[in-house]
């Protein structure tokens, strides 16, 4: 599960960083919007390091909700947030299934 969820979060961080010029320059949002996208990207990049913590999955879900909410600043983020939320759910589901099928060491 660690590889799948980490992959989703890192790709999400890249998309958030690429959304900064779209929101600030093309969308005409204030610079604070760019800082918000950067902060969310940082959380996406740091969260895989917290995989062993009990709140990892809950933090991932909260992050997905926050990213969907950025659609207010850049409407395409509604779509991208929904796609990454589906990928997050799939990564959790398939990761748990793979761990359940793995023999105990």
C-alpha atoms as a PDB file:
ATOM      1  CA  UNK A   1       0.000   0.000   0.000  1.00  0.00           C
ATOM      2  CA  UNK A   2       2.918   2.310   0.716  1.00  0.00           C
ATOM      3  CA  UNK A   3       4.141   2.432  -2.885  1.00  0.00           C
ATOM      4  CA  UNK A   4       0.697   3.069  -4.360  1.00  0.00           C
ATOM      5  CA  UNK A   5      -0.340   5.805  -1.940  1.00  0.00           C
ATOM      6  CA  UNK A   6       3.068   7.486  -2.107  1.00  0.00           C
ATOM      7  CA  UNK A   7       2.916   7.499  -5.901  1.00  0.00           C
ATOM      8  CA  UNK A   8      -0.487   9.160  -5.876  1.00  0.00           C
ATOM      9  CA  UNK A   9       0.654  11.818  -3.410  1.00  0.00           C
ATOM     10  CA  UNK A  10       3.872  12.651  -5.271  1.00  0.00           C
ATOM     11  CA  UNK A  11       2.041  12.953  -8.595  1.00  0.00           C
ATOM     12  CA  UNK A  12      -0.538  15.119  -6.869  1.00  0.00           C
ATOM     13  CA  UNK A  13       2.237  17.395  -5.573  1.00  0.00           C
ATOM     14  CA  UNK A  14       3.531  17.826  -9.120  1.00  0.00           C
ATOM     15  CA  UNK A  15       0.064  18.707 -10.405  1.00  0.00           C
ATOM     16  CA  UNK A  16      -0.402  21.241  -7.596  1.00  0.00           C
ATOM     17  CA  UNK A  17       2.889  22.917  -8.419  1.00  0.00           C
ATOM     18  CA  UNK A  18       1.913  23.081 -12.079  1.00  0.00           C
ATOM     19  CA  UNK A  19      -1.427  24.625 -11.075  1.00  0.00           C
ATOM     20  CA  UNK A  20       0.258  27.655  -9.494  1.00  0.00           C
ATOM     21  CA  UNK A  21       0.861  29.538 -12.760  1.00  0.00           C
ATOM     22  CA  UNK A  22      -2.569  28.542 -14.010  1.00  0.00           C
ATOM     23  CA  UNK A  23      -4.310  29.976 -10.948  1.00  0.00           C
ATOM     24  CA  UNK A  24      -2.156  33.045 -10.400  1.00  0.00           C
ATOM     25  CA  UNK A  25      -1.157  34.143 -13.895  1.00  0.00           C
ATOM     26  CA  UNK A  26      -3.904  32.832 -16.161  1.00  0.00           C
ATOM     27  CA  UNK A  27      -6.698  32.846 -13.578  1.00  0.00           C
ATOM     28  CA  UNK A  28      -5.874  36.210 -12.088  1.00  0.00           C
ATOM     29  CA  UNK A  29      -5.947  34.942  -8.502  1.00  0.00           C
ATOM     30  CA  UNK A  30      -3.880  36.697  -5.820  1.00  0.00           C
ATOM     31  CA  UNK A  31      -0.416  35.423  -4.904  1.00  0.00           C
ATOM     32  CA  UNK A  32      -1.893  33.858  -1.771  1.00  0.00           C
ATOM     33  CA  UNK A  33      -3.546  31.263  -4.006  1.00  0.00           C
ATOM     34  CA  UNK A  34      -0.139  30.262  -5.288  1.00  0.00           C
ATOM     35  CA  UNK A  35       1.136  29.908  -1.731  1.00  0.00           C
ATOM     36  CA  UNK A  36      -1.864  27.737  -0.889  1.00  0.00           C
ATOM     37  CA  UNK A  37      -1.115  25.429  -3.818  1.00  0.00           C
ATOM     38  CA  UNK A  38       2.551  25.315  -2.770  1.00  0.00           C
ATOM     39  CA  UNK A  39       1.614  24.462   0.834  1.00  0.00           C
ATOM     40  CA  UNK A  40      -0.680  21.655  -0.310  1.00  0.00           C
ATOM     41  CA  UNK A  41       2.070  20.352  -2.588  1.00  0.00           C
ATOM     42  CA  UNK A  42       4.454  20.345   0.365  1.00  0.00           C
ATOM     43  CA  UNK A  43       1.965  18.360   2.441  1.00  0.00           C
ATOM     44  CA  UNK A  44       1.616  15.890  -0.446  1.00  0.00           C
ATOM     45  CA  UNK A  45       5.391  15.494  -0.560  1.00  0.00           C
ATOM     46  CA  UNK A  46       5.811  15.058   3.221  1.00  0.00           C
ATOM     47  CA  UNK A  47       2.828  12.784   3.891  1.00  0.00           C
ATOM     48  CA  UNK A  48       4.377   9.601   2.396  1.00  0.00           C
ATOM     49  CA  UNK A  49       7.029   9.805   5.116  1.00  0.00           C
ATOM     50  CA  UNK A  50       4.270   9.448   7.710  1.00  0.00           C
ATOM     51  CA  UNK A  51       3.019   6.137   6.324  1.00  0.00           C
ATOM     52  CA  UNK A  52       3.508   4.270   9.595  1.00  0.00           C
ATOM     53  CA  UNK A  53       1.491   6.773  11.607  1.00  0.00           C
ATOM     54  CA  UNK A  54      -2.087   5.763  12.479  1.00  0.00           C
ATOM     55  CA  UNK A  55      -3.491   9.008  11.039  1.00  0.00           C
ATOM     56  CA  UNK A  56      -1.868   8.592   7.596  1.00  0.00           C
ATOM     57  CA  UNK A  57      -5.035   7.512   5.776  1.00  0.00           C
ATOM     58  CA  UNK A  58      -7.200  10.142   7.495  1.00  0.00           C
ATOM     59  CA  UNK A  59      -4.686  12.855   6.588  1.00  0.00           C
ATOM     60  CA  UNK A  60      -4.712  11.611   3.000  1.00  0.00           C
ATOM     61  CA  UNK A  61      -8.492  11.875   2.836  1.00  0.00           C
ATOM     62  CA  UNK A  62      -8.419  15.370   4.384  1.00  0.00           C
ATOM     63  CA  UNK A  63      -5.827  16.372   1.802  1.00  0.00           C
ATOM     64  CA  UNK A  64      -8.045  15.109  -1.012  1.00  0.00           C
ATOM     65  CA  UNK A  65     -10.954  17.213   0.275  1.00  0.00           C
ATOM     66  CA  UNK A  66      -8.699  20.279   0.517  1.00  0.00           C
ATOM     67  CA  UNK A  67      -7.474  19.779  -3.040  1.00  0.00           C
ATOM     68  CA  UNK A  68     -11.006  19.458  -4.391  1.00  0.00           C
ATOM     69  CA  UNK A  69     -11.834  22.689  -2.521  1.00  0.00           C
ATOM     70  CA  UNK A  70      -9.084  24.497  -4.451  1.00  0.00           C
ATOM     71  CA  UNK A  71     -11.430  24.264  -7.401  1.00  0.00           C
ATOM     72  CA  UNK A  72     -12.849  27.546  -6.125  1.00  0.00           C
ATOM     73  CA  UNK A  73      -9.557  29.184  -7.131  1.00  0.00           C
ATOM     74  CA  UNK A  74      -8.923  27.225 -10.332  1.00  0.00           C
ATOM     75  CA  UNK A  75     -12.036  25.425 -11.612  1.00  0.00           C
ATOM     76  CA  UNK A  76     -10.045  22.648 -13.299  1.00  0.00           C
ATOM     77  CA  UNK A  77      -8.932  21.558  -9.829  1.00  0.00           C
ATOM     78  CA  UNK A  78     -12.447  20.245  -9.207  1.00  0.00           C
ATOM     79  CA  UNK A  79     -11.833  17.706 -11.967  1.00  0.00           C
ATOM     80  CA  UNK A  80      -8.205  16.998 -11.063  1.00  0.00           C
ATOM     81  CA  UNK A  81      -9.094  16.710  -7.369  1.00  0.00           C
ATOM     82  CA  UNK A  82     -11.842  14.222  -8.166  1.00  0.00           C
ATOM     83  CA  UNK A  83      -9.462  12.181 -10.327  1.00  0.00           C
ATOM     84  CA  UNK A  84      -6.809  12.092  -7.608  1.00  0.00           C
ATOM     85  CA  UNK A  85      -9.426  11.228  -4.990  1.00  0.00           C
ATOM     86  CA  UNK A  86     -10.436   8.242  -7.119  1.00  0.00           C
ATOM     87  CA  UNK A  87      -6.756   7.293  -7.468  1.00  0.00           C
ATOM     88  CA  UNK A  88      -6.285   7.629  -3.686  1.00  0.00           C
ATOM     89  CA  UNK A  89      -9.263   5.356  -3.034  1.00  0.00           C
ATOM     90  CA  UNK A  90      -7.980   2.846  -5.597  1.00  0.00           C
ATOM     91  CA  UNK A  91      -4.462   2.900  -4.112  1.00  0.00           C
ATOM     92  CA  UNK A  92      -5.848   2.218  -0.631  1.00  0.00           C
ATOM     93  CA  UNK A  93      -8.146  -0.540  -1.851  1.00  0.00           C
ATOM     94  CA  UNK A  94      -5.603  -2.338  -4.014  1.00  0.00           C
ATOM     95  CA  UNK A  95      -2.832  -1.834  -1.455  1.00  0.00           C
ATOM     96  CA  UNK A  96      -4.892  -3.424   1.305  1.00  0.00           C
ATOM     97  CA  UNK A  97      -5.888  -6.269  -0.980  1.00  0.00           C
ATOM     98  CA  UNK A  98      -2.246  -6.922  -1.876  1.00  0.00           C
ATOM     99  CA  UNK A  99      -1.187  -6.843   1.781  1.00  0.00           C
ATOM    100  CA  UNK A 100      -3.970  -9.241   2.741  1.00  0.00           C
ATOM    101  CA  UNK A 101      -2.793 -11.742   0.116  1.00  0.00           C
ATOM    102  CA  UNK A 102       0.854 -11.535   1.184  1.00  0.00           C
ATOM    103  CA  UNK A 103       2.033 -14.328   3.504  1.00  0.00           C
ATOM    104  CA  UNK A 104       2.980 -13.266   7.024  1.00  0.00           C
ATOM    105  CA  UNK A 105       6.746 -13.000   7.529  1.00  0.00           C
END
